[in-house]
Amino acid sequence: MKTGDMLRLDQAVSVQFMQPITVRVIRVLDWITYDGWVWIDCYQLGPTGGAVARRSLFIQPAHVQYVPPALFEGCQAPRTWAGRAPSRGARPVRSTPS
C-alpha cells in the first residue's frame, strides 16, 4: 500500500465499515500498532471520485481491495470552492489608513 492507491474498505478490513467506502491513500503512518494492522491517512471518495472527507483509519491491509483508477474515469469531479465568485451582497473589506 502506498500514496495514491485507491482502496475499497469493507468489514473484512475492519468492523467499522458496515457500509463499504472507497478511499485514496495520503500516507501510511508509522505508528506502533497490533501485528497485521496499520493506520492510514486518506481521503474518503464520493461516487464521482472526489474527496468528501479526510480520515485517519485503523485497518488490516491484508484484506483491502485495490480499486483501479479507471473506475472513476469519465466522472465529473465536484465543483470546488476555489475560484467561486463572491455571493451577492458581499462587499470588499476596506482597510483603514494607518
N, C-alpha and C. Protein backbone atom coordinates (compact mmCIF):
# COMPACT_ATOMS: atom_id res chain seq x y z
N MET A 1 0.86 -1.16 0.00
CA MET A 1 0.00 0.00 0.00
C MET A 1 0.91 1.23 0.00
N LYS A 2 0.57 2.20 -0.88
CA LYS A 2 1.41 3.39 -0.99
C LYS A 2 0.54 4.62 -1.29
N THR A 3 1.14 5.78 -1.21
CA THR A 3 0.45 7.03 -1.50
C THR A 3 -0.18 6.97 -2.88
N GLY A 4 -1.44 7.40 -2.97
CA GLY A 4 -2.15 7.43 -4.24
C GLY A 4 -2.98 6.20 -4.53
N ASP A 5 -2.75 5.11 -3.80
CA ASP A 5 -3.55 3.91 -4.02
C ASP A 5 -5.01 4.18 -3.67
N MET A 6 -5.90 3.62 -4.46
CA MET A 6 -7.33 3.71 -4.17
C MET A 6 -7.77 2.35 -3.64
N LEU A 7 -8.45 2.37 -2.49
CA LEU A 7 -8.82 1.14 -1.81
C LEU A 7 -10.32 1.10 -1.53
N ARG A 8 -10.88 -0.10 -1.56
CA ARG A 8 -12.25 -0.32 -1.12
C ARG A 8 -12.15 -0.98 0.24
N LEU A 9 -12.76 -0.37 1.24
CA LEU A 9 -12.69 -0.87 2.60
C LEU A 9 -14.06 -1.40 3.01
N ASP A 10 -14.08 -2.65 3.50
CA ASP A 10 -15.33 -3.24 3.96
C ASP A 10 -15.10 -3.93 5.29
N GLN A 11 -16.06 -4.76 5.75
CA GLN A 11 -15.95 -5.38 7.07
C GLN A 11 -14.76 -6.32 7.19
N ALA A 12 -14.23 -6.84 6.10
CA ALA A 12 -13.05 -7.70 6.18
C ALA A 12 -11.83 -6.91 6.63
N VAL A 13 -11.81 -5.62 6.32
CA VAL A 13 -10.69 -4.73 6.67
C VAL A 13 -10.81 -4.29 8.13
N SER A 14 -12.02 -3.96 8.56
CA SER A 14 -12.28 -3.53 9.93
C SER A 14 -13.79 -3.54 10.15
N VAL A 15 -14.21 -3.89 11.35
CA VAL A 15 -15.65 -3.97 11.64
C VAL A 15 -16.34 -2.61 11.54
N GLN A 16 -15.57 -1.52 11.54
CA GLN A 16 -16.18 -0.18 11.45
C GLN A 16 -16.82 0.10 10.09
N PHE A 17 -16.53 -0.72 9.08
CA PHE A 17 -17.04 -0.47 7.74
C PHE A 17 -18.23 -1.37 7.42
N MET A 18 -19.35 -1.13 8.10
CA MET A 18 -20.59 -1.86 7.82
C MET A 18 -20.99 -1.59 6.37
N GLN A 19 -20.87 -0.33 5.95
CA GLN A 19 -21.10 0.06 4.56
C GLN A 19 -19.72 0.29 3.95
N PRO A 20 -19.38 -0.39 2.87
CA PRO A 20 -18.06 -0.22 2.26
C PRO A 20 -17.84 1.23 1.80
N ILE A 21 -16.59 1.68 1.88
CA ILE A 21 -16.21 3.00 1.39
C ILE A 21 -14.99 2.86 0.48
N THR A 22 -14.78 3.86 -0.35
CA THR A 22 -13.59 3.92 -1.20
C THR A 22 -12.74 5.09 -0.73
N VAL A 23 -11.43 4.88 -0.62
CA VAL A 23 -10.52 5.92 -0.15
C VAL A 23 -9.31 6.01 -1.06
N ARG A 24 -8.65 7.17 -1.03
CA ARG A 24 -7.35 7.35 -1.69
C ARG A 24 -6.34 7.60 -0.59
N VAL A 25 -5.26 6.81 -0.57
CA VAL A 25 -4.25 6.88 0.49
C VAL A 25 -3.41 8.15 0.35
N ILE A 26 -3.29 8.89 1.46
CA ILE A 26 -2.37 10.03 1.52
C ILE A 26 -1.02 9.52 1.98
N ARG A 27 -1.03 8.75 3.07
CA ARG A 27 0.21 8.14 3.58
C ARG A 27 -0.13 7.03 4.57
N VAL A 28 0.79 6.10 4.69
CA VAL A 28 0.70 5.06 5.71
C VAL A 28 1.51 5.57 6.89
N LEU A 29 0.85 5.66 8.04
CA LEU A 29 1.51 6.21 9.23
C LEU A 29 2.40 5.16 9.88
N ASP A 30 3.49 5.60 10.50
CA ASP A 30 4.43 4.66 11.11
C ASP A 30 4.17 4.50 12.61
N TRP A 31 2.92 4.58 13.01
CA TRP A 31 2.55 4.42 14.42
C TRP A 31 2.63 2.95 14.81
N ILE A 32 2.97 2.69 16.05
CA ILE A 32 3.05 1.33 16.56
C ILE A 32 1.62 0.80 16.76
N THR A 33 1.36 -0.38 16.19
CA THR A 33 0.02 -0.97 16.28
C THR A 33 0.14 -2.47 16.53
N TYR A 34 -1.00 -3.14 16.56
CA TYR A 34 -1.00 -4.59 16.65
C TYR A 34 -0.48 -5.17 15.34
N ASP A 35 0.06 -6.41 15.41
CA ASP A 35 0.55 -7.08 14.20
C ASP A 35 -0.59 -7.21 13.20
N GLY A 36 -0.31 -6.88 11.94
CA GLY A 36 -1.29 -7.03 10.88
C GLY A 36 -2.23 -5.84 10.74
N TRP A 37 -2.02 -4.77 11.49
CA TRP A 37 -2.85 -3.56 11.43
C TRP A 37 -1.97 -2.35 11.14
N VAL A 38 -2.52 -1.34 10.46
CA VAL A 38 -1.81 -0.08 10.21
C VAL A 38 -2.79 1.08 10.30
N TRP A 39 -2.24 2.25 10.54
CA TRP A 39 -3.01 3.50 10.46
C TRP A 39 -2.70 4.13 9.11
N ILE A 40 -3.74 4.64 8.44
CA ILE A 40 -3.52 5.38 7.19
C ILE A 40 -4.23 6.72 7.27
N ASP A 41 -3.64 7.73 6.64
CA ASP A 41 -4.33 8.99 6.38
C ASP A 41 -4.85 8.85 4.96
N CYS A 42 -6.11 9.24 4.75
CA CYS A 42 -6.70 9.06 3.42
C CYS A 42 -7.83 10.05 3.20
N TYR A 43 -8.24 10.15 1.95
CA TYR A 43 -9.44 10.89 1.58
C TYR A 43 -10.52 9.88 1.26
N GLN A 44 -11.69 10.03 1.88
CA GLN A 44 -12.83 9.21 1.50
C GLN A 44 -13.38 9.79 0.21
N LEU A 45 -13.66 8.92 -0.75
CA LEU A 45 -14.10 9.36 -2.07
C LEU A 45 -15.61 9.20 -2.23
N GLY A 46 -16.20 10.15 -2.92
CA GLY A 46 -17.62 10.08 -3.25
C GLY A 46 -17.82 9.31 -4.53
N PRO A 47 -19.06 9.26 -5.02
CA PRO A 47 -19.36 8.46 -6.22
C PRO A 47 -18.66 8.94 -7.49
N THR A 48 -18.26 10.22 -7.54
CA THR A 48 -17.57 10.72 -8.73
C THR A 48 -16.05 10.69 -8.59
N GLY A 49 -15.56 10.19 -7.47
CA GLY A 49 -14.12 10.12 -7.25
C GLY A 49 -13.54 11.33 -6.55
N GLY A 50 -14.36 12.30 -6.21
CA GLY A 50 -13.90 13.48 -5.49
C GLY A 50 -13.85 13.21 -3.99
N ALA A 51 -12.93 13.86 -3.32
CA ALA A 51 -12.79 13.70 -1.87
C ALA A 51 -13.97 14.33 -1.15
N VAL A 52 -14.57 13.58 -0.23
CA VAL A 52 -15.68 14.10 0.57
C VAL A 52 -15.29 14.27 2.04
N ALA A 53 -14.20 13.61 2.48
CA ALA A 53 -13.75 13.74 3.86
C ALA A 53 -12.31 13.26 3.96
N ARG A 54 -11.57 13.87 4.89
CA ARG A 54 -10.22 13.39 5.19
C ARG A 54 -10.32 12.58 6.47
N ARG A 55 -9.69 11.40 6.48
CA ARG A 55 -9.83 10.49 7.61
C ARG A 55 -8.50 9.83 7.94
N SER A 56 -8.35 9.45 9.20
CA SER A 56 -7.27 8.57 9.65
C SER A 56 -7.95 7.28 10.07
N LEU A 57 -7.54 6.16 9.47
CA LEU A 57 -8.23 4.90 9.68
C LEU A 57 -7.27 3.81 10.14
N PHE A 58 -7.77 2.92 10.99
CA PHE A 58 -7.04 1.78 11.52
C PHE A 58 -7.55 0.55 10.79
N ILE A 59 -6.70 -0.06 9.95
CA ILE A 59 -7.17 -1.14 9.07
C ILE A 59 -6.20 -2.31 9.03
N GLN A 60 -6.69 -3.43 8.49
CA GLN A 60 -5.86 -4.60 8.20
C GLN A 60 -5.54 -4.60 6.71
N PRO A 61 -4.34 -4.22 6.32
CA PRO A 61 -4.02 -4.11 4.89
C PRO A 61 -4.11 -5.42 4.12
N ALA A 62 -4.02 -6.55 4.80
CA ALA A 62 -4.09 -7.83 4.11
C ALA A 62 -5.45 -8.06 3.44
N HIS A 63 -6.48 -7.33 3.89
CA HIS A 63 -7.83 -7.56 3.38
C HIS A 63 -8.37 -6.44 2.50
N VAL A 64 -7.55 -5.43 2.19
CA VAL A 64 -8.05 -4.33 1.35
C VAL A 64 -8.21 -4.81 -0.09
N GLN A 65 -9.13 -4.17 -0.80
CA GLN A 65 -9.32 -4.43 -2.22
C GLN A 65 -8.84 -3.19 -2.96
N TYR A 66 -7.91 -3.35 -3.87
CA TYR A 66 -7.40 -2.22 -4.65
C TYR A 66 -8.41 -1.89 -5.75
N VAL A 67 -8.68 -0.60 -5.92
CA VAL A 67 -9.64 -0.12 -6.92
C VAL A 67 -8.86 0.46 -8.09
N PRO A 68 -9.15 0.03 -9.32
CA PRO A 68 -8.44 0.61 -10.47
C PRO A 68 -8.89 2.06 -10.68
N PRO A 69 -7.94 2.99 -10.93
CA PRO A 69 -8.30 4.38 -11.16
C PRO A 69 -9.29 4.56 -12.30
N ALA A 70 -9.31 3.63 -13.26
CA ALA A 70 -10.21 3.72 -14.40
C ALA A 70 -11.68 3.69 -13.96
N LEU A 71 -11.96 3.22 -12.74
CA LEU A 71 -13.32 3.18 -12.23
C LEU A 71 -13.95 4.57 -12.22
N PHE A 72 -13.13 5.60 -11.98
CA PHE A 72 -13.65 6.95 -11.88
C PHE A 72 -13.39 7.78 -13.14
N GLU A 73 -12.78 7.20 -14.18
CA GLU A 73 -12.54 7.94 -15.41
C GLU A 73 -13.86 8.32 -16.05
N GLY A 74 -13.95 9.53 -16.55
CA GLY A 74 -15.16 9.99 -17.19
C GLY A 74 -16.16 10.59 -16.23
N CYS A 75 -15.93 10.41 -14.93
CA CYS A 75 -16.81 11.03 -13.93
C CYS A 75 -16.38 12.48 -13.77
N GLN A 76 -17.34 13.31 -13.61
CA GLN A 76 -17.03 14.72 -13.44
C GLN A 76 -16.79 14.99 -11.96
N ALA A 77 -15.66 15.61 -11.65
CA ALA A 77 -15.34 15.94 -10.27
C ALA A 77 -16.29 17.03 -9.77
N PRO A 78 -16.62 17.00 -8.49
CA PRO A 78 -17.50 18.03 -7.96
C PRO A 78 -16.82 19.39 -7.98
N ARG A 79 -17.63 20.45 -8.04
CA ARG A 79 -17.07 21.80 -8.04
C ARG A 79 -16.40 22.08 -6.71
N THR A 80 -15.35 22.83 -6.77
CA THR A 80 -14.66 23.21 -5.54
C THR A 80 -14.98 24.65 -5.22
N TRP A 81 -14.64 25.06 -4.02
CA TRP A 81 -14.88 26.43 -3.59
C TRP A 81 -13.89 27.39 -4.24
N ALA A 82 -12.74 26.91 -4.63
CA ALA A 82 -11.73 27.79 -5.21
C ALA A 82 -12.26 28.40 -6.51
N GLY A 83 -12.07 29.66 -6.67
CA GLY A 83 -12.44 30.33 -7.89
C GLY A 83 -13.90 30.75 -7.96
N ARG A 84 -14.65 30.53 -6.90
CA ARG A 84 -16.05 30.93 -6.92
C ARG A 84 -16.17 32.43 -6.75
N ALA A 85 -17.14 32.99 -7.40
CA ALA A 85 -17.42 34.42 -7.26
C ALA A 85 -18.05 34.68 -5.89
N PRO A 86 -17.82 35.85 -5.33
CA PRO A 86 -18.44 36.14 -4.04
C PRO A 86 -19.95 36.16 -4.17
N SER A 87 -20.62 35.85 -3.07
CA SER A 87 -22.08 35.83 -3.11
C SER A 87 -22.62 37.25 -3.26
N ARG A 88 -23.85 37.35 -3.72
CA ARG A 88 -24.46 38.66 -3.90
C ARG A 88 -24.52 39.40 -2.58
N GLY A 89 -24.27 40.68 -2.65
CA GLY A 89 -24.31 41.50 -1.44
C GLY A 89 -23.00 41.54 -0.69
N ALA A 90 -22.02 40.72 -1.12
CA ALA A 90 -20.73 40.75 -0.45
C ALA A 90 -20.01 42.05 -0.80
N ARG A 91 -19.42 42.63 0.18
CA ARG A 91 -18.71 43.90 -0.03
C ARG A 91 -17.24 43.70 0.28
N PRO A 92 -16.38 44.38 -0.44
CA PRO A 92 -14.94 44.27 -0.15
C PRO A 92 -14.64 44.89 1.21
N VAL A 93 -13.66 44.33 1.86
CA VAL A 93 -13.22 44.87 3.15
C VAL A 93 -12.34 46.07 2.90
N ARG A 94 -12.67 47.18 3.53
CA ARG A 94 -11.86 48.39 3.36
C ARG A 94 -10.80 48.45 4.45
N SER A 95 -9.60 48.76 4.03
CA SER A 95 -8.55 48.91 5.03
C SER A 95 -8.54 50.39 5.48
N THR A 96 -8.22 50.56 6.74
CA THR A 96 -8.16 51.93 7.26
C THR A 96 -6.74 52.43 7.15
N PRO A 97 -6.58 53.71 6.80
CA PRO A 97 -5.21 54.26 6.70
C PRO A 97 -4.55 54.27 8.07
N SER A 98 -3.26 53.97 8.08
CA SER A 98 -2.56 53.98 9.37
C SER A 98 -1.63 55.15 9.53
